[in-house]
C-alpha atoms as a PDB file:
ATOM      1  CA  UNK A   1     -84.604 133.580 103.155  1.00  0.00           C
ATOM      2  CA  UNK A   2     -82.941 134.248 106.493  1.00  0.00           C
ATOM      3  CA  UNK A   3     -82.493 137.786 107.744  1.00  0.00           C
ATOM      4  CA  UNK A   4     -79.086 139.379 107.636  1.00  0.00           C
ATOM      5  CA  UNK A   5     -77.974 138.386 104.154  1.00  0.00           C
ATOM      6  CA  UNK A   6     -76.224 141.154 102.247  1.00  0.00           C
ATOM      7  CA  UNK A   7     -77.806 142.480  99.055  1.00  0.00           C
ATOM      8  CA  UNK A   8     -75.512 140.331  96.922  1.00  0.00           C
ATOM      9  CA  UNK A   9     -76.156 137.207  99.030  1.00  0.00           C
ATOM     10  CA  UNK A  10     -79.922 137.826  98.954  1.00  0.00           C
ATOM     11  CA  UNK A  11     -79.849 138.229  95.181  1.00  0.00           C
ATOM     12  CA  UNK A  12     -78.002 134.910  94.874  1.00  0.00           C
ATOM     13  CA  UNK A  13     -80.560 133.290  97.188  1.00  0.00           C
ATOM     14  CA  UNK A  14     -83.409 134.467  94.951  1.00  0.00           C
ATOM     15  CA  UNK A  15     -81.506 133.261  91.895  1.00  0.00           C
ATOM     16  CA  UNK A  16     -80.612 129.776  93.114  1.00  0.00           C
ATOM     17  CA  UNK A  17     -83.709 128.729  95.089  1.00  0.00           C
ATOM     18  CA  UNK A  18     -85.883 128.194  91.981  1.00  0.00           C
ATOM     19  CA  UNK A  19     -83.146 126.073  90.410  1.00  0.00           C
ATOM     20  CA  UNK A  20     -82.780 123.924  93.523  1.00  0.00           C
ATOM     21  CA  UNK A  21     -86.544 123.487  93.712  1.00  0.00           C
ATOM     22  CA  UNK A  22     -86.549 122.280  90.085  1.00  0.00           C
ATOM     23  CA  UNK A  23     -83.911 119.705  90.966  1.00  0.00           C
ATOM     24  CA  UNK A  24     -85.979 118.616  93.942  1.00  0.00           C
ATOM     25  CA  UNK A  25     -83.088 118.894  96.397  1.00  0.00           C
ATOM     26  CA  UNK A  26     -84.260 121.784  98.546  1.00  0.00           C
ATOM     27  CA  UNK A  27     -86.070 121.355 101.833  1.00  0.00           C
ATOM     28  CA  UNK A  28     -86.771 123.762 104.685  1.00  0.00           C
ATOM     29  CA  UNK A  29     -83.902 122.321 106.750  1.00  0.00           C
ATOM     30  CA  UNK A  30     -81.412 123.308 104.039  1.00  0.00           C
ATOM     31  CA  UNK A  31     -81.832 127.033 104.717  1.00  0.00           C
ATOM     32  CA  UNK A  32     -78.693 127.520 106.801  1.00  0.00           C
ATOM     33  CA  UNK A  33     -76.454 125.664 104.372  1.00  0.00           C
ATOM     34  CA  UNK A  34     -77.923 127.638 101.491  1.00  0.00           C
ATOM     35  CA  UNK A  35     -77.454 130.905 103.407  1.00  0.00           C
ATOM     36  CA  UNK A  36     -73.809 129.953 104.030  1.00  0.00           C
ATOM     37  CA  UNK A  37     -73.358 129.317 100.305  1.00  0.00           C
ATOM     38  CA  UNK A  38     -74.915 132.704  99.497  1.00  0.00           C
ATOM     39  CA  UNK A  39     -72.614 134.379 102.025  1.00  0.00           C
ATOM     40  CA  UNK A  40     -69.587 132.753 100.337  1.00  0.00           C
ATOM     41  CA  UNK A  41     -70.907 133.894  96.973  1.00  0.00           C
ATOM     42  CA  UNK A  42     -71.157 137.486  98.229  1.00  0.00           C
ATOM     43  CA  UNK A  43     -67.613 137.321  99.645  1.00  0.00           C
ATOM     44  CA  UNK A  44     -66.295 136.019  96.322  1.00  0.00           C
ATOM     45  CA  UNK A  45     -68.207 138.716  94.430  1.00  0.00           C
ATOM     46  CA  UNK A  46     -66.783 141.507  96.632  1.00  0.00           C
ATOM     47  CA  UNK A  47     -63.248 140.131  96.323  1.00  0.00           C
ATOM     48  CA  UNK A  48     -63.577 140.000  92.549  1.00  0.00           C
ATOM     49  CA  UNK A  49     -64.747 143.631  92.470  1.00  0.00           C
ATOM     50  CA  UNK A  50     -61.657 144.581  94.480  1.00  0.00           C
ATOM     51  CA  UNK A  51     -59.421 142.635  92.093  1.00  0.00           C
ATOM     52  CA  UNK A  52     -61.026 144.358  89.131  1.00  0.00           C
ATOM     53  CA  UNK A  53     -60.316 147.731  90.720  1.00  0.00           C
ATOM     54  CA  UNK A  54     -56.761 147.136  91.991  1.00  0.00           C
ATOM     55  CA  UNK A  55     -55.522 144.127  90.033  1.00  0.00           C
ATOM     56  CA  UNK A  56     -53.918 140.948  91.318  1.00  0.00           C
ATOM     57  CA  UNK A  57     -50.600 142.667  92.131  1.00  0.00           C
ATOM     58  CA  UNK A  58     -50.507 145.650  94.484  1.00  0.00           C
ATOM     59  CA  UNK A  59     -47.770 148.057  95.491  1.00  0.00           C
ATOM     60  CA  UNK A  60     -46.766 148.195  99.127  1.00  0.00           C
ATOM     61  CA  UNK A  61     -44.697 151.144 100.289  1.00  0.00           C
ATOM     62  CA  UNK A  62     -41.388 150.490 102.046  1.00  0.00           C
ATOM     63  CA  UNK A  63     -40.869 152.932 104.891  1.00  0.00           C
ATOM     64  CA  UNK A  64     -37.459 154.040 106.082  1.00  0.00           C
ATOM     65  CA  UNK A  65     -35.951 156.542 108.448  1.00  0.00           C
ATOM     66  CA  UNK A  66     -36.433 157.154 112.149  1.00  0.00           C
ATOM     67  CA  UNK A  67     -39.696 155.962 113.697  1.00  0.00           C
ATOM     68  CA  UNK A  68     -41.022 159.484 114.254  1.00  0.00           C
ATOM     69  CA  UNK A  69     -40.067 160.654 110.769  1.00  0.00           C
ATOM     70  CA  UNK A  70     -40.706 157.738 108.451  1.00  0.00           C
ATOM     71  CA  UNK A  71     -40.812 158.239 104.730  1.00  0.00           C
ATOM     72  CA  UNK A  72     -41.393 156.070 101.706  1.00  0.00           C
ATOM     73  CA  UNK A  73     -38.065 154.841 100.404  1.00  0.00           C
ATOM     74  CA  UNK A  74     -39.383 152.445  97.805  1.00  0.00           C
ATOM     75  CA  UNK A  75     -42.072 149.989  96.883  1.00  0.00           C
ATOM     76  CA  UNK A  76     -42.437 146.256  96.800  1.00  0.00           C
ATOM     77  CA  UNK A  77     -45.010 144.313  94.870  1.00  0.00           C
ATOM     78  CA  UNK A  78     -47.142 141.600  96.355  1.00  0.00           C
ATOM     79  CA  UNK A  79     -50.222 139.578  95.595  1.00  0.00           C
ATOM     80  CA  UNK A  80     -53.438 141.412  96.347  1.00  0.00           C
ATOM     81  CA  UNK A  81     -54.985 139.838  99.489  1.00  0.00           C
ATOM     82  CA  UNK A  82     -58.300 139.761  97.608  1.00  0.00           C
ATOM     83  CA  UNK A  83     -56.849 136.897  95.517  1.00  0.00           C
ATOM     84  CA  UNK A  84     -56.749 134.650  98.587  1.00  0.00           C
ATOM     85  CA  UNK A  85     -60.183 135.813  99.724  1.00  0.00           C
ATOM     86  CA  UNK A  86     -61.637 135.060  96.290  1.00  0.00           C
ATOM     87  CA  UNK A  87     -59.962 131.643  96.093  1.00  0.00           C
ATOM     88  CA  UNK A  88     -61.082 130.658  99.609  1.00  0.00           C
ATOM     89  CA  UNK A  89     -64.661 131.725  98.875  1.00  0.00           C
ATOM     90  CA  UNK A  90     -64.636 129.763  95.600  1.00  0.00           C
ATOM     91  CA  UNK A  91     -63.484 126.605  97.412  1.00  0.00           C
ATOM     92  CA  UNK A  92     -66.286 126.940  99.953  1.00  0.00           C
ATOM     93  CA  UNK A  93     -68.827 127.741  97.244  1.00  0.00           C
ATOM     94  CA  UNK A  94     -67.819 124.642  95.331  1.00  0.00           C
ATOM     95  CA  UNK A  95     -68.272 122.474  98.424  1.00  0.00           C
ATOM     96  CA  UNK A  96     -71.787 123.831  98.938  1.00  0.00           C
ATOM     97  CA  UNK A  97     -72.614 123.512  95.240  1.00  0.00           C
ATOM     98  CA  UNK A  98     -71.582 119.858  95.335  1.00  0.00           C
ATOM     99  CA  UNK A  99     -73.757 119.265  98.403  1.00  0.00           C
ATOM    100  CA  UNK A 100     -76.764 120.704  96.597  1.00  0.00           C
ATOM    101  CA  UNK A 101     -76.049 118.811  93.352  1.00  0.00           C
ATOM    102  CA  UNK A 102     -75.257 122.001  91.450  1.00  0.00           C
ATOM    103  CA  UNK A 103     -72.150 120.791  89.623  1.00  0.00           C
ATOM    104  CA  UNK A 104     -72.250 118.488  86.591  1.00  0.00           C
ATOM    105  CA  UNK A 105     -70.479 115.611  88.341  1.00  0.00           C
ATOM    106  CA  UNK A 106     -72.448 115.917  91.581  1.00  0.00           C
ATOM    107  CA  UNK A 107     -75.747 115.805  89.692  1.00  0.00           C
ATOM    108  CA  UNK A 108     -74.851 112.353  88.368  1.00  0.00           C
ATOM    109  CA  UNK A 109     -74.450 111.063  91.942  1.00  0.00           C
ATOM    110  CA  UNK A 110     -77.478 112.672  93.549  1.00  0.00           C
ATOM    111  CA  UNK A 111     -80.534 110.559  94.327  1.00  0.00           C
ATOM    112  CA  UNK A 112     -83.710 112.111  95.601  1.00  0.00           C
ATOM    113  CA  UNK A 113     -86.107 109.735  97.268  1.00  0.00           C
ATOM    114  CA  UNK A 114     -89.569 111.192  97.382  1.00  0.00           C
ATOM    115  CA  UNK A 115     -92.109 109.632  99.705  1.00  0.00           C
ATOM    116  CA  UNK A 116     -94.309 107.147  97.879  1.00  0.00           C
ATOM    117  CA  UNK A 117     -97.793 108.563  97.798  1.00  0.00           C
ATOM    118  CA  UNK A 118     -99.368 105.220  96.892  1.00  0.00           C
ATOM    119  CA  UNK A 119    -100.594 103.139  99.804  1.00  0.00           C
ATOM    120  CA  UNK A 120     -98.167 100.444 100.879  1.00  0.00           C
ATOM    121  CA  UNK A 121     -99.944  97.032 100.478  1.00  0.00           C
ATOM    122  CA  UNK A 122     -97.990  95.539 103.382  1.00  0.00           C
ATOM    123  CA  UNK A 123     -99.033  98.392 105.641  1.00  0.00           C
ATOM    124  CA  UNK A 124    -102.662  97.884 104.642  1.00  0.00           C
ATOM    125  CA  UNK A 125    -102.381  94.129 105.237  1.00  0.00           C
ATOM    126  CA  UNK A 126    -100.803  94.460 108.683  1.00  0.00           C
ATOM    127  CA  UNK A 127    -102.914  97.384 109.843  1.00  0.00           C
ATOM    128  CA  UNK A 128    -105.294  96.677 112.695  1.00  0.00           C
ATOM    129  CA  UNK A 129    -108.510  98.648 112.508  1.00  0.00           C
ATOM    130  CA  UNK A 130    -111.321  98.983 114.989  1.00  0.00           C
ATOM    131  CA  UNK A 131    -113.558  96.949 112.675  1.00  0.00           C
ATOM    132  CA  UNK A 132    -111.113  94.016 112.621  1.00  0.00           C
ATOM    133  CA  UNK A 133    -112.003  91.091 114.857  1.00  0.00           C
ATOM    134  CA  UNK A 134    -109.675  90.614 117.825  1.00  0.00           C
ATOM    135  CA  UNK A 135    -106.974  88.094 117.120  1.00  0.00           C
ATOM    136  CA  UNK A 136    -106.988  84.773 118.917  1.00  0.00           C
ATOM    137  CA  UNK A 137    -103.938  84.003 120.988  1.00  0.00           C
ATOM    138  CA  UNK A 138    -102.246  80.720 120.337  1.00  0.00           C
ATOM    139  CA  UNK A 139    -101.243  79.004 123.515  1.00  0.00           C
END
């Protein structure tokens, strides 16, 4: 796990790494992409906490009067900015989840090719060893 992940991102890292290992899709070079996913997860999580606290609609005061003596003259309602933050984070999370084969449809398309541990007969046949007689050149 890379340094600098928030508590929420680190918890997601610890949660998802075992699953990715089971699927056989995780290698050491995937760390940065996985960290980016975990960062998006943490951003989504924080945005959702904010939405739970304030709701999807927030009140914004309308100020009126002279610049030096402004006062609230009313309110307007608008979408909580956390809605956009949550939605953006979800889109990015989904893209990373697809890359790692963590969605139902992406799992059907993923192919993991593991190195064949059995000796390749062609490699054995074409291998030149020190005990092999030198080949004769055809002229």
